[in-house]
Amino acid sequence: MMSLEVQTAVRTLQQQAVSAHDVFDLDRIDRALDELTRNPIKTAAPQHQVRGALSNAGKVLVRRKKRLPLGSSDDPDLHESVRERAFAFIEGGFDAADLRQWLDTTPSLSTRERWILQALADGADAEMLSALLNLPLARVRERISRARRVASAAYHREVRCA
């Protein structure tokens, strides 16, 4: 059972998530929601719980970001084991090559979304990305889902309707 204060804080964060446009903000809100649901009987004021949970989530994400390897997603050493499989994907048809070119050049994707989709196109899967990013598998699957949703909307807006 969740206290009324936690329920209010969760609703507040869910409303913030709807209007968030930045992936970092969505990740931070997601982590904050996790923290609130782990402590369902807190009775502190909802605005204090929201502020504290967002602050803690931001600290974790910044620390994790500092540990990520620097470098481009085009780095040949990054996915050396899967790059060989990428040729079969790209050579499979002209449409796949067009899609890959669009993925590399569209301004509609954030750097993280582009990197995730490029890795998937190279043959990586959620488990590989989870290990590479040192993130839980469920979180990586969420990021993949978000990236696909954003890319699909952008592709339909930029390519199909153009």
C-alpha atoms as a PDB file:
ATOM      1  CA  MET A   1       0.000   0.000   0.000  1.00  0.00           C
ATOM      2  CA  MET A   2       1.274   3.418  -0.962  1.00  0.00           C
ATOM      3  CA  SER A   3       0.864   6.479   1.201  1.00  0.00           C
ATOM      4  CA  LEU A   4      -1.139   9.373  -0.221  1.00  0.00           C
ATOM      5  CA  GLU A   5       2.008  11.508  -0.289  1.00  0.00           C
ATOM      6  CA  VAL A   6       3.880   8.971  -2.421  1.00  0.00           C
ATOM      7  CA  GLN A   7       0.878   8.594  -4.731  1.00  0.00           C
ATOM      8  CA  THR A   8       0.795  12.361  -5.237  1.00  0.00           C
ATOM      9  CA  ALA A   9       4.542  12.441  -5.880  1.00  0.00           C
ATOM     10  CA  VAL A  10       4.236   9.613  -8.428  1.00  0.00           C
ATOM     11  CA  ARG A  11       1.424  11.444 -10.250  1.00  0.00           C
ATOM     12  CA  THR A  12       3.522  14.609 -10.324  1.00  0.00           C
ATOM     13  CA  LEU A  13       6.489  12.767 -11.852  1.00  0.00           C
ATOM     14  CA  GLN A  14       4.261  11.031 -14.391  1.00  0.00           C
ATOM     15  CA  GLN A  15       2.924  14.418 -15.499  1.00  0.00           C
ATOM     16  CA  GLN A  16       6.492  15.709 -15.832  1.00  0.00           C
ATOM     17  CA  ALA A  17       7.387  12.676 -17.940  1.00  0.00           C
ATOM     18  CA  VAL A  18       4.607  13.429 -20.402  1.00  0.00           C
ATOM     19  CA  SER A  19       5.993  16.899 -21.093  1.00  0.00           C
ATOM     20  CA  ALA A  20       9.704  15.919 -21.006  1.00  0.00           C
ATOM     21  CA  HIS A  21      11.491  16.010 -24.347  1.00  0.00           C
ATOM     22  CA  ASP A  22      15.002  15.194 -23.229  1.00  0.00           C
ATOM     23  CA  VAL A  23      16.159  11.583 -22.790  1.00  0.00           C
ATOM     24  CA  PHE A  24      18.164  12.532 -19.715  1.00  0.00           C
ATOM     25  CA  ASP A  25      15.049  13.977 -18.084  1.00  0.00           C
ATOM     26  CA  LEU A  26      13.052  10.837 -18.918  1.00  0.00           C
ATOM     27  CA  ASP A  27      15.767   8.622 -17.449  1.00  0.00           C
ATOM     28  CA  ARG A  28      15.933  10.815 -14.355  1.00  0.00           C
ATOM     29  CA  ILE A  29      12.156  10.701 -13.899  1.00  0.00           C
ATOM     30  CA  ASP A  30      12.188   6.930 -14.417  1.00  0.00           C
ATOM     31  CA  ARG A  31      14.808   6.483 -11.704  1.00  0.00           C
ATOM     32  CA  ALA A  32      12.932   8.851  -9.395  1.00  0.00           C
ATOM     33  CA  LEU A  33       9.755   6.809  -9.864  1.00  0.00           C
ATOM     34  CA  ASP A  34      11.714   3.674  -9.014  1.00  0.00           C
ATOM     35  CA  GLU A  35      12.946   5.304  -5.822  1.00  0.00           C
ATOM     36  CA  LEU A  36       9.445   6.383  -4.803  1.00  0.00           C
ATOM     37  CA  THR A  37       7.993   2.929  -5.374  1.00  0.00           C
ATOM     38  CA  ARG A  38      10.794   1.356  -3.330  1.00  0.00           C
ATOM     39  CA  ASN A  39       9.733   3.539  -0.363  1.00  0.00           C
ATOM     40  CA  PRO A  40       5.927   3.428  -0.588  1.00  0.00           C
ATOM     41  CA  ILE A  41       5.137   4.414   3.002  1.00  0.00           C
ATOM     42  CA  LYS A  42       7.040   7.706   3.207  1.00  0.00           C
ATOM     43  CA  THR A  43       4.942  10.521   4.568  1.00  0.00           C
ATOM     44  CA  ALA A  44       7.082  13.530   3.684  1.00  0.00           C
ATOM     45  CA  ALA A  45       5.460  16.258   1.622  1.00  0.00           C
ATOM     46  CA  PRO A  46       5.036  15.155  -2.013  1.00  0.00           C
ATOM     47  CA  GLN A  47       6.987  18.108  -3.443  1.00  0.00           C
ATOM     48  CA  HIS A  48       9.919  17.242  -1.151  1.00  0.00           C
ATOM     49  CA  GLN A  49       9.799  13.612  -2.224  1.00  0.00           C
ATOM     50  CA  VAL A  50       9.759  14.600  -5.904  1.00  0.00           C
ATOM     51  CA  ARG A  51      12.663  17.009  -5.467  1.00  0.00           C
ATOM     52  CA  GLY A  52      14.722  14.503  -3.475  1.00  0.00           C
ATOM     53  CA  ALA A  53      14.056  11.590  -5.817  1.00  0.00           C
ATOM     54  CA  LEU A  54      14.918  13.674  -8.903  1.00  0.00           C
ATOM     55  CA  SER A  55      18.087  14.921  -7.228  1.00  0.00           C
ATOM     56  CA  ASN A  56      19.227  11.412  -6.302  1.00  0.00           C
ATOM     57  CA  ALA A  57      18.407  10.108  -9.770  1.00  0.00           C
ATOM     58  CA  GLY A  58      20.354  12.932 -11.405  1.00  0.00           C
ATOM     59  CA  LYS A  59      23.417  12.159  -9.290  1.00  0.00           C
ATOM     60  CA  VAL A  60      23.333   8.489 -10.292  1.00  0.00           C
ATOM     61  CA  LEU A  61      22.932   9.289 -13.999  1.00  0.00           C
ATOM     62  CA  VAL A  62      25.762  11.827 -13.992  1.00  0.00           C
ATOM     63  CA  ARG A  63      28.093   9.359 -12.259  1.00  0.00           C
ATOM     64  CA  ARG A  64      27.150   6.639 -14.745  1.00  0.00           C
ATOM     65  CA  LYS A  65      27.671   9.013 -17.674  1.00  0.00           C
ATOM     66  CA  LYS A  66      31.187   9.773 -16.452  1.00  0.00           C
ATOM     67  CA  ARG A  67      31.998   6.043 -16.532  1.00  0.00           C
ATOM     68  CA  LEU A  68      30.853   5.569 -20.133  1.00  0.00           C
ATOM     69  CA  PRO A  69      33.700   5.164 -22.597  1.00  0.00           C
ATOM     70  CA  LEU A  70      34.396   8.204 -24.705  1.00  0.00           C
ATOM     71  CA  GLY A  71      34.306   7.825 -28.429  1.00  0.00           C
ATOM     72  CA  SER A  72      32.056   7.821 -31.405  1.00  0.00           C
ATOM     73  CA  SER A  73      29.377   5.265 -32.057  1.00  0.00           C
ATOM     74  CA  ASP A  74      31.110   4.823 -35.420  1.00  0.00           C
ATOM     75  CA  ASP A  75      34.231   3.602 -33.632  1.00  0.00           C
ATOM     76  CA  PRO A  76      35.164   0.313 -35.366  1.00  0.00           C
ATOM     77  CA  ASP A  77      36.382  -1.200 -32.099  1.00  0.00           C
ATOM     78  CA  LEU A  78      33.090  -0.521 -30.339  1.00  0.00           C
ATOM     79  CA  HIS A  79      31.143  -3.334 -31.995  1.00  0.00           C
ATOM     80  CA  GLU A  80      33.918  -5.258 -33.658  1.00  0.00           C
ATOM     81  CA  SER A  81      32.178  -8.569 -33.077  1.00  0.00           C
ATOM     82  CA  VAL A  82      28.908  -7.452 -34.651  1.00  0.00           C
ATOM     83  CA  ARG A  83      30.157  -5.266 -37.508  1.00  0.00           C
ATOM     84  CA  GLU A  84      30.810  -8.337 -39.665  1.00  0.00           C
ATOM     85  CA  ARG A  85      27.115  -9.246 -39.413  1.00  0.00           C
ATOM     86  CA  ALA A  86      26.121  -5.715 -40.426  1.00  0.00           C
ATOM     87  CA  PHE A  87      27.146  -6.256 -44.054  1.00  0.00           C
ATOM     88  CA  ALA A  88      24.433  -8.896 -44.513  1.00  0.00           C
ATOM     89  CA  PHE A  89      21.899  -6.442 -43.122  1.00  0.00           C
ATOM     90  CA  ILE A  90      23.000  -3.526 -45.308  1.00  0.00           C
ATOM     91  CA  GLU A  91      23.472  -5.600 -48.462  1.00  0.00           C
ATOM     92  CA  GLY A  92      20.024  -7.104 -47.969  1.00  0.00           C
ATOM     93  CA  GLY A  93      18.450  -4.333 -50.023  1.00  0.00           C
ATOM     94  CA  PHE A  94      18.581  -0.735 -51.083  1.00  0.00           C
ATOM     95  CA  ASP A  95      15.863   0.185 -48.582  1.00  0.00           C
ATOM     96  CA  ALA A  96      18.023  -0.937 -45.665  1.00  0.00           C
ATOM     97  CA  ALA A  97      20.909   1.211 -46.923  1.00  0.00           C
ATOM     98  CA  ASP A  98      18.564   4.197 -47.315  1.00  0.00           C
ATOM     99  CA  LEU A  99      17.222   3.681 -43.835  1.00  0.00           C
ATOM    100  CA  ARG A 100      20.758   3.454 -42.454  1.00  0.00           C
ATOM    101  CA  GLN A 101      21.744   6.672 -44.226  1.00  0.00           C
ATOM    102  CA  TRP A 102      18.679   8.431 -42.823  1.00  0.00           C
ATOM    103  CA  LEU A 103      19.535   7.128 -39.352  1.00  0.00           C
ATOM    104  CA  ASP A 104      23.048   8.576 -39.629  1.00  0.00           C
ATOM    105  CA  THR A 105      21.911  12.006 -40.807  1.00  0.00           C
ATOM    106  CA  THR A 106      18.533  12.859 -39.267  1.00  0.00           C
ATOM    107  CA  PRO A 107      18.577  15.695 -36.730  1.00  0.00           C
ATOM    108  CA  SER A 108      15.469  14.288 -35.031  1.00  0.00           C
ATOM    109  CA  LEU A 109      17.388  11.754 -32.937  1.00  0.00           C
ATOM    110  CA  SER A 110      19.475  12.438 -29.873  1.00  0.00           C
ATOM    111  CA  THR A 111      23.019  11.102 -29.755  1.00  0.00           C
ATOM    112  CA  ARG A 112      21.949   8.273 -27.424  1.00  0.00           C
ATOM    113  CA  GLU A 113      18.986   7.258 -29.599  1.00  0.00           C
ATOM    114  CA  ARG A 114      21.135   7.300 -32.737  1.00  0.00           C
ATOM    115  CA  TRP A 115      23.818   5.213 -31.022  1.00  0.00           C
ATOM    116  CA  ILE A 116      21.300   2.624 -29.813  1.00  0.00           C
ATOM    117  CA  LEU A 117      19.668   2.292 -33.228  1.00  0.00           C
ATOM    118  CA  GLN A 118      23.033   2.064 -34.995  1.00  0.00           C
ATOM    119  CA  ALA A 119      24.125  -0.665 -32.602  1.00  0.00           C
ATOM    120  CA  LEU A 120      20.901  -2.575 -33.271  1.00  0.00           C
ATOM    121  CA  ALA A 121      21.408  -2.170 -37.020  1.00  0.00           C
ATOM    122  CA  ASP A 122      24.917  -3.549 -36.548  1.00  0.00           C
ATOM    123  CA  GLY A 123      23.434  -6.682 -35.026  1.00  0.00           C
ATOM    124  CA  ALA A 124      23.646  -5.940 -31.311  1.00  0.00           C
ATOM    125  CA  ASP A 125      20.802  -6.986 -29.046  1.00  0.00           C
ATOM    126  CA  ALA A 126      19.517  -5.757 -25.700  1.00  0.00           C
ATOM    127  CA  GLU A 127      21.734  -8.150 -23.751  1.00  0.00           C
ATOM    128  CA  MET A 128      24.878  -6.955 -25.524  1.00  0.00           C
ATOM    129  CA  LEU A 129      23.972  -3.307 -24.966  1.00  0.00           C
ATOM    130  CA  SER A 130      23.164  -4.012 -21.330  1.00  0.00           C
ATOM    131  CA  ALA A 131      26.627  -5.436 -20.788  1.00  0.00           C
ATOM    132  CA  LEU A 132      28.311  -2.686 -22.789  1.00  0.00           C
ATOM    133  CA  LEU A 133      26.541   0.143 -20.962  1.00  0.00           C
ATOM    134  CA  ASN A 134      26.582  -1.570 -17.573  1.00  0.00           C
ATOM    135  CA  LEU A 135      22.822  -1.054 -17.216  1.00  0.00           C
ATOM    136  CA  PRO A 136      20.046  -3.427 -16.203  1.00  0.00           C
ATOM    137  CA  LEU A 137      18.482  -5.276 -19.116  1.00  0.00           C
ATOM    138  CA  ALA A 138      15.033  -3.834 -18.416  1.00  0.00           C
ATOM    139  CA  ARG A 139      16.364  -0.272 -18.613  1.00  0.00           C
ATOM    140  CA  VAL A 140      18.143  -0.995 -21.905  1.00  0.00           C
ATOM    141  CA  ARG A 141      14.951  -2.455 -23.332  1.00  0.00           C
ATOM    142  CA  GLU A 142      13.111   0.730 -22.310  1.00  0.00           C
ATOM    143  CA  ARG A 143      15.727   2.851 -24.054  1.00  0.00           C
ATOM    144  CA  ILE A 144      15.493   0.715 -27.186  1.00  0.00           C
ATOM    145  CA  SER A 145      11.727   1.056 -27.172  1.00  0.00           C
ATOM    146  CA  ARG A 146      11.913   4.831 -26.764  1.00  0.00           C
ATOM    147  CA  ALA A 147      14.530   5.170 -29.494  1.00  0.00           C
ATOM    148  CA  ARG A 148      12.450   3.092 -31.892  1.00  0.00           C
ATOM    149  CA  ARG A 149       9.318   5.103 -31.115  1.00  0.00           C
ATOM    150  CA  VAL A 150      11.094   8.444 -31.676  1.00  0.00           C
ATOM    151  CA  ALA A 151      12.781   7.190 -34.857  1.00  0.00           C
ATOM    152  CA  SER A 152       9.548   5.805 -36.252  1.00  0.00           C
ATOM    153  CA  ALA A 153       7.705   9.086 -35.722  1.00  0.00           C
ATOM    154  CA  ALA A 154      10.600  11.069 -37.202  1.00  0.00           C
ATOM    155  CA  TYR A 155      10.910   8.734 -40.185  1.00  0.00           C
ATOM    156  CA  HIS A 156       7.226   9.042 -41.000  1.00  0.00           C
ATOM    157  CA  ARG A 157       7.381  12.813 -40.578  1.00  0.00           C
ATOM    158  CA  GLU A 158      10.585  13.343 -42.596  1.00  0.00           C
ATOM    159  CA  VAL A 159      10.607  10.609 -45.236  1.00  0.00           C
ATOM    160  CA  ARG A 160       7.149   9.201 -45.787  1.00  0.00           C
ATOM    161  CA  CYS A 161       5.345  12.544 -45.775  1.00  0.00           C
ATOM    162  CA  ALA A 162       8.061  14.401 -47.696  1.00  0.00           C
END
